C-alpha atoms as a PDB file:
ATOM      1  CA  ASP A   1     114.652 146.123 184.046  1.00  0.00           C
ATOM      2  CA  LEU A   2     113.860 145.650 180.502  1.00  0.00           C
ATOM      3  CA  THR A   3     110.163 144.634 181.616  1.00  0.00           C
ATOM      4  CA  GLU A   4     109.760 147.868 184.200  1.00  0.00           C
ATOM      5  CA  GLU A   5     110.800 149.664 182.258  1.00  0.00           C
ATOM      6  CA  LEU A   6     108.970 149.465 179.207  1.00  0.00           C
ATOM      7  CA  SER A   7     105.880 148.879 181.377  1.00  0.00           C
ATOM      8  CA  ILE A   8     105.026 144.862 180.559  1.00  0.00           C
ATOM      9  CA  PRO A   9     105.051 142.799 182.815  1.00  0.00           C
ATOM     10  CA  GLN A  10     104.695 140.009 180.277  1.00  0.00           C
ATOM     11  CA  LEU A  11     107.826 140.328 178.494  1.00  0.00           C
ATOM     12  CA  PRO A  12     109.460 136.692 179.375  1.00  0.00           C
ATOM     13  CA  GLU A  13     106.021 135.115 178.079  1.00  0.00           C
ATOM     14  CA  LEU A  14     105.966 137.108 174.676  1.00  0.00           C
ATOM     15  CA  LEU A  15     109.360 136.467 174.411  1.00  0.00           C
ATOM     16  CA  GLN A  16     108.934 132.580 174.716  1.00  0.00           C
ATOM     17  CA  GLN A  17     105.908 132.326 172.679  1.00  0.00           C
ATOM     18  CA  PHE A  18     108.658 134.829 170.103  1.00  0.00           C
ATOM     19  CA  LEU A  19     111.492 132.722 169.993  1.00  0.00           C
ATOM     20  CA  PHE A  20     108.539 129.515 169.808  1.00  0.00           C
ATOM     21  CA  GLN A  21     107.191 130.840 166.701  1.00  0.00           C
ATOM     22  CA  MET A  22     110.815 131.370 165.179  1.00  0.00           C
ATOM     23  CA  ASP A  23     111.305 127.663 165.649  1.00  0.00           C
ATOM     24  CA  HIS A  24     107.943 127.049 164.809  1.00  0.00           C
ATOM     25  CA  PRO A  25     106.785 128.782 161.522  1.00  0.00           C
ATOM     26  CA  ASP A  26     104.422 126.619 159.664  1.00  0.00           C
ATOM     27  CA  ASP A  27     102.636 125.761 163.571  1.00  0.00           C
ATOM     28  CA  PRO A  28      99.004 126.662 163.602  1.00  0.00           C
ATOM     29  CA  GLN A  29      98.605 128.069 167.105  1.00  0.00           C
ATOM     30  CA  GLU A  30      98.769 131.476 167.771  1.00  0.00           C
ATOM     31  CA  MET A  31     101.392 132.782 169.675  1.00  0.00           C
ATOM     32  CA  TYR A  32      98.970 133.528 172.923  1.00  0.00           C
ATOM     33  CA  ASN A  33      97.820 129.838 172.542  1.00  0.00           C
ATOM     34  CA  ILE A  34     100.658 128.212 173.303  1.00  0.00           C
ATOM     35  CA  PRO A  35     101.815 126.500 176.500  1.00  0.00           C
ATOM     36  CA  LEU A  36     104.394 128.400 178.028  1.00  0.00           C
ATOM     37  CA  VAL A  37     105.980 124.772 178.881  1.00  0.00           C
ATOM     38  CA  GLU A  38     106.341 124.203 174.872  1.00  0.00           C
ATOM     39  CA  CYS A  39     108.271 127.372 175.105  1.00  0.00           C
ATOM     40  CA  PRO A  40     112.112 127.479 174.651  1.00  0.00           C
ATOM     41  CA  GLN A  41     113.515 129.333 177.570  1.00  0.00           C
ATOM     42  CA  TYR A  42     115.720 132.857 177.005  1.00  0.00           C
ATOM     43  CA  ASN A  43     117.576 133.776 180.682  1.00  0.00           C
ATOM     44  CA  GLY A  44     119.852 135.918 178.726  1.00  0.00           C
ATOM     45  CA  LYS A  45     120.406 139.587 178.892  1.00  0.00           C
ATOM     46  CA  ILE A  46     118.350 142.151 176.315  1.00  0.00           C
ATOM     47  CA  GLN A  47     120.075 144.724 175.211  1.00  0.00           C
ATOM     48  CA  VAL A  48     118.674 148.033 173.855  1.00  0.00           C
ATOM     49  CA  PHE A  49     120.310 150.629 172.092  1.00  0.00           C
ATOM     50  CA  ASN A  50     118.242 154.001 171.051  1.00  0.00           C
ATOM     51  CA  SER A  51     118.744 155.937 168.164  1.00  0.00           C
ATOM     52  CA  ALA A  52     115.798 158.839 166.114  1.00  0.00           C
ATOM     53  CA  SER A  53     117.148 160.020 162.494  1.00  0.00           C
ATOM     54  CA  ALA A  54     114.464 163.133 160.916  1.00  0.00           C
ATOM     55  CA  THR A  55     114.315 163.994 157.730  1.00  0.00           C
ATOM     56  CA  PHE A  56     113.257 167.125 156.626  1.00  0.00           C
ATOM     57  CA  PHE A  57     112.869 168.446 153.273  1.00  0.00           C
ATOM     58  CA  VAL A  58     111.676 172.101 151.712  1.00  0.00           C
ATOM     59  CA  LEU A  59     107.748 172.330 149.963  1.00  0.00           C
END
């Protein structure tokens, strides 16, 4: 589970609050003050695709 892999137990709540902010961009409340009952529920799957890039140059 992504919550355990990232060691962020509050990830589901953070996602709900983030979705609220996306739906209500003009709401002046701080994200952590938004009651979870007002936030949209998300029960879907989240996929993570790791990637990396590097750029090298000569001085």
